[in-house]
Amino acid sequence: MTRIVIVYHSGYGHTKRQAEAVHRGAASVDGVNALLLNTEEAAARMEELDTADAIVFGCPTYMGSMSAEMKRFLE
């Protein structure tokens, strides 16, 4: 089974809705196990990212850069 983890940060809920749509789409594919985590959840469950076949990141952009929360998570 292919494991996909979707990690997102959402300031106002818009990116969360997009991440949920990606999750639904990935989970609808036979043989795919998709997991949706916000950055706080993902930081506490790094083993999920370590064992994933693919990781999808989503966050808002501010003045052409990723959100500070996503940047902190990735660092």
N, C-alpha and C. Protein backbone atom coordinates (compact mmCIF):
# COMPACT_ATOMS: atom_id res chain seq x y z
N MET A 1 0.84 -1.18 0.00
CA MET A 1 0.00 0.00 0.00
C MET A 1 0.88 1.25 0.00
N THR A 2 0.56 2.19 -0.83
CA THR A 2 1.27 3.46 -0.92
C THR A 2 0.77 4.40 0.17
N ARG A 3 1.71 4.99 0.91
CA ARG A 3 1.35 5.90 2.00
C ARG A 3 1.69 7.33 1.61
N ILE A 4 0.68 8.20 1.66
CA ILE A 4 0.86 9.62 1.36
C ILE A 4 0.46 10.43 2.59
N VAL A 5 1.33 11.34 2.98
CA VAL A 5 1.03 12.23 4.11
C VAL A 5 0.90 13.65 3.55
N ILE A 6 -0.19 14.31 3.89
CA ILE A 6 -0.44 15.69 3.49
C ILE A 6 -0.28 16.55 4.74
N VAL A 7 0.68 17.47 4.70
CA VAL A 7 0.97 18.36 5.83
C VAL A 7 0.63 19.78 5.41
N TYR A 8 -0.14 20.47 6.23
CA TYR A 8 -0.56 21.82 5.85
C TYR A 8 -0.54 22.78 7.03
N HIS A 9 -0.43 24.06 6.69
CA HIS A 9 -0.68 25.14 7.64
C HIS A 9 -1.71 26.04 6.99
N SER A 10 -2.69 26.46 7.76
CA SER A 10 -3.76 27.30 7.21
C SER A 10 -4.06 28.44 8.18
N GLY A 11 -3.88 29.65 7.71
CA GLY A 11 -4.14 30.81 8.56
C GLY A 11 -5.61 31.11 8.73
N TYR A 12 -6.38 30.98 7.66
CA TYR A 12 -7.80 31.34 7.70
C TYR A 12 -8.73 30.22 7.26
N GLY A 13 -8.18 29.02 7.03
CA GLY A 13 -9.01 27.88 6.67
C GLY A 13 -9.03 27.54 5.19
N HIS A 14 -8.53 28.44 4.34
CA HIS A 14 -8.56 28.19 2.90
C HIS A 14 -7.62 27.05 2.51
N THR A 15 -6.40 27.07 3.03
CA THR A 15 -5.44 26.01 2.72
C THR A 15 -5.89 24.69 3.32
N LYS A 16 -6.53 24.74 4.48
CA LYS A 16 -7.07 23.51 5.08
C LYS A 16 -8.08 22.87 4.14
N ARG A 17 -8.96 23.66 3.55
CA ARG A 17 -9.95 23.11 2.62
C ARG A 17 -9.27 22.50 1.39
N GLN A 18 -8.23 23.13 0.90
CA GLN A 18 -7.49 22.57 -0.24
C GLN A 18 -6.81 21.26 0.16
N ALA A 19 -6.21 21.23 1.35
CA ALA A 19 -5.55 20.02 1.83
C ALA A 19 -6.56 18.89 2.00
N GLU A 20 -7.74 19.21 2.49
CA GLU A 20 -8.79 18.20 2.63
C GLU A 20 -9.21 17.64 1.27
N ALA A 21 -9.25 18.49 0.26
CA ALA A 21 -9.60 18.03 -1.09
C ALA A 21 -8.51 17.12 -1.65
N VAL A 22 -7.25 17.46 -1.42
CA VAL A 22 -6.14 16.60 -1.85
C VAL A 22 -6.23 15.26 -1.12
N HIS A 23 -6.52 15.30 0.17
CA HIS A 23 -6.65 14.08 0.96
C HIS A 23 -7.77 13.20 0.42
N ARG A 24 -8.93 13.78 0.15
CA ARG A 24 -10.05 13.00 -0.40
C ARG A 24 -9.67 12.36 -1.73
N GLY A 25 -9.02 13.12 -2.58
CA GLY A 25 -8.61 12.60 -3.88
C GLY A 25 -7.62 11.47 -3.75
N ALA A 26 -6.61 11.64 -2.91
CA ALA A 26 -5.60 10.59 -2.73
C ALA A 26 -6.21 9.35 -2.10
N ALA A 27 -7.07 9.54 -1.11
CA ALA A 27 -7.68 8.40 -0.41
C ALA A 27 -8.65 7.64 -1.30
N SER A 28 -9.13 8.27 -2.36
CA SER A 28 -10.09 7.59 -3.25
C SER A 28 -9.41 6.63 -4.23
N VAL A 29 -8.09 6.64 -4.28
CA VAL A 29 -7.34 5.78 -5.18
C VAL A 29 -7.08 4.44 -4.50
N ASP A 30 -7.40 3.35 -5.19
CA ASP A 30 -7.15 2.02 -4.64
C ASP A 30 -5.66 1.85 -4.35
N GLY A 31 -5.36 1.28 -3.20
CA GLY A 31 -3.98 1.01 -2.82
C GLY A 31 -3.25 2.19 -2.21
N VAL A 32 -3.99 3.26 -1.92
CA VAL A 32 -3.37 4.45 -1.31
C VAL A 32 -3.94 4.67 0.08
N ASN A 33 -3.06 4.85 1.04
CA ASN A 33 -3.43 5.21 2.40
C ASN A 33 -2.98 6.65 2.59
N ALA A 34 -3.92 7.59 2.72
CA ALA A 34 -3.60 9.01 2.85
C ALA A 34 -3.86 9.49 4.27
N LEU A 35 -2.96 10.31 4.77
CA LEU A 35 -3.06 10.86 6.12
C LEU A 35 -2.95 12.38 6.03
N LEU A 36 -3.86 13.08 6.68
CA LEU A 36 -3.89 14.54 6.68
C LEU A 36 -3.48 15.05 8.05
N LEU A 37 -2.45 15.90 8.10
CA LEU A 37 -1.95 16.44 9.37
C LEU A 37 -1.66 17.93 9.22
N ASN A 38 -2.04 18.72 10.24
CA ASN A 38 -1.57 20.10 10.22
C ASN A 38 -0.13 20.11 10.76
N THR A 39 0.54 21.23 10.70
CA THR A 39 1.96 21.26 11.06
C THR A 39 2.20 20.87 12.52
N GLU A 40 1.30 21.25 13.42
CA GLU A 40 1.46 20.87 14.83
C GLU A 40 1.36 19.36 14.99
N GLU A 41 0.37 18.76 14.36
CA GLU A 41 0.20 17.30 14.43
C GLU A 41 1.39 16.59 13.80
N ALA A 42 1.84 17.10 12.67
CA ALA A 42 2.96 16.47 11.97
C ALA A 42 4.24 16.53 12.80
N ALA A 43 4.47 17.64 13.50
CA ALA A 43 5.66 17.77 14.34
C ALA A 43 5.68 16.73 15.44
N ALA A 44 4.50 16.35 15.93
CA ALA A 44 4.40 15.35 16.99
C ALA A 44 4.40 13.92 16.44
N ARG A 45 4.30 13.77 15.12
CA ARG A 45 4.21 12.44 14.52
C ARG A 45 5.19 12.30 13.35
N MET A 46 6.43 12.69 13.59
CA MET A 46 7.43 12.67 12.52
C MET A 46 7.65 11.27 11.93
N GLU A 47 7.38 10.24 12.72
CA GLU A 47 7.55 8.87 12.19
C GLU A 47 6.61 8.62 11.01
N GLU A 48 5.48 9.30 10.98
CA GLU A 48 4.55 9.16 9.85
C GLU A 48 5.19 9.69 8.57
N LEU A 49 5.92 10.79 8.69
CA LEU A 49 6.60 11.35 7.53
C LEU A 49 7.78 10.49 7.11
N ASP A 50 8.49 9.93 8.09
CA ASP A 50 9.64 9.08 7.79
C ASP A 50 9.25 7.84 7.00
N THR A 51 8.07 7.31 7.23
CA THR A 51 7.66 6.07 6.57
C THR A 51 6.77 6.31 5.35
N ALA A 52 6.50 7.56 5.01
CA ALA A 52 5.63 7.87 3.87
C ALA A 52 6.36 7.65 2.55
N ASP A 53 5.59 7.24 1.54
CA ASP A 53 6.12 7.13 0.18
C ASP A 53 6.15 8.50 -0.49
N ALA A 54 5.24 9.38 -0.09
CA ALA A 54 5.17 10.74 -0.64
C ALA A 54 4.65 11.67 0.44
N ILE A 55 5.13 12.91 0.42
CA ILE A 55 4.66 13.94 1.34
C ILE A 55 4.24 15.14 0.50
N VAL A 56 3.04 15.64 0.76
CA VAL A 56 2.52 16.82 0.08
C VAL A 56 2.44 17.94 1.12
N PHE A 57 3.02 19.08 0.81
CA PHE A 57 2.99 20.23 1.72
C PHE A 57 2.09 21.31 1.14
N GLY A 58 1.33 21.97 2.02
CA GLY A 58 0.49 23.08 1.58
C GLY A 58 0.48 24.18 2.62
N CYS A 59 0.60 25.42 2.16
CA CYS A 59 0.54 26.56 3.07
C CYS A 59 0.20 27.80 2.26
N PRO A 60 -0.29 28.83 2.95
CA PRO A 60 -0.52 30.10 2.26
C PRO A 60 0.82 30.78 1.95
N THR A 61 0.77 31.72 1.05
CA THR A 61 1.96 32.53 0.78
C THR A 61 1.68 33.96 1.23
N TYR A 62 2.71 34.55 1.77
CA TYR A 62 2.64 35.94 2.21
C TYR A 62 3.80 36.69 1.58
N MET A 63 3.49 37.65 0.74
CA MET A 63 4.50 38.44 0.04
C MET A 63 5.49 37.53 -0.70
N GLY A 64 4.97 36.47 -1.30
CA GLY A 64 5.79 35.58 -2.11
C GLY A 64 6.54 34.51 -1.34
N SER A 65 6.35 34.42 -0.04
CA SER A 65 7.05 33.42 0.77
C SER A 65 6.04 32.54 1.49
N MET A 66 6.51 31.38 1.92
CA MET A 66 5.64 30.49 2.68
C MET A 66 5.32 31.08 4.04
N SER A 67 4.28 30.57 4.67
CA SER A 67 3.90 31.06 6.00
C SER A 67 5.01 30.76 7.00
N ALA A 68 5.11 31.60 8.01
CA ALA A 68 6.14 31.43 9.04
C ALA A 68 5.98 30.09 9.75
N GLU A 69 4.75 29.66 9.97
CA GLU A 69 4.49 28.37 10.64
C GLU A 69 5.04 27.21 9.81
N MET A 70 4.84 27.22 8.50
CA MET A 70 5.37 26.14 7.66
C MET A 70 6.89 26.20 7.62
N LYS A 71 7.44 27.40 7.55
CA LYS A 71 8.90 27.54 7.56
C LYS A 71 9.49 26.97 8.84
N ARG A 72 8.88 27.28 9.99
CA ARG A 72 9.35 26.73 11.27
C ARG A 72 9.29 25.21 11.25
N PHE A 73 8.19 24.67 10.74
CA PHE A 73 8.05 23.22 10.69
C PHE A 73 9.14 22.59 9.82
N LEU A 74 9.40 23.16 8.67
CA LEU A 74 10.38 22.58 7.75
C LEU A 74 11.81 22.70 8.26
N GLU A 75 12.06 23.71 9.08
CA GLU A 75 13.41 23.87 9.63
C GLU A 75 13.63 22.87 10.74
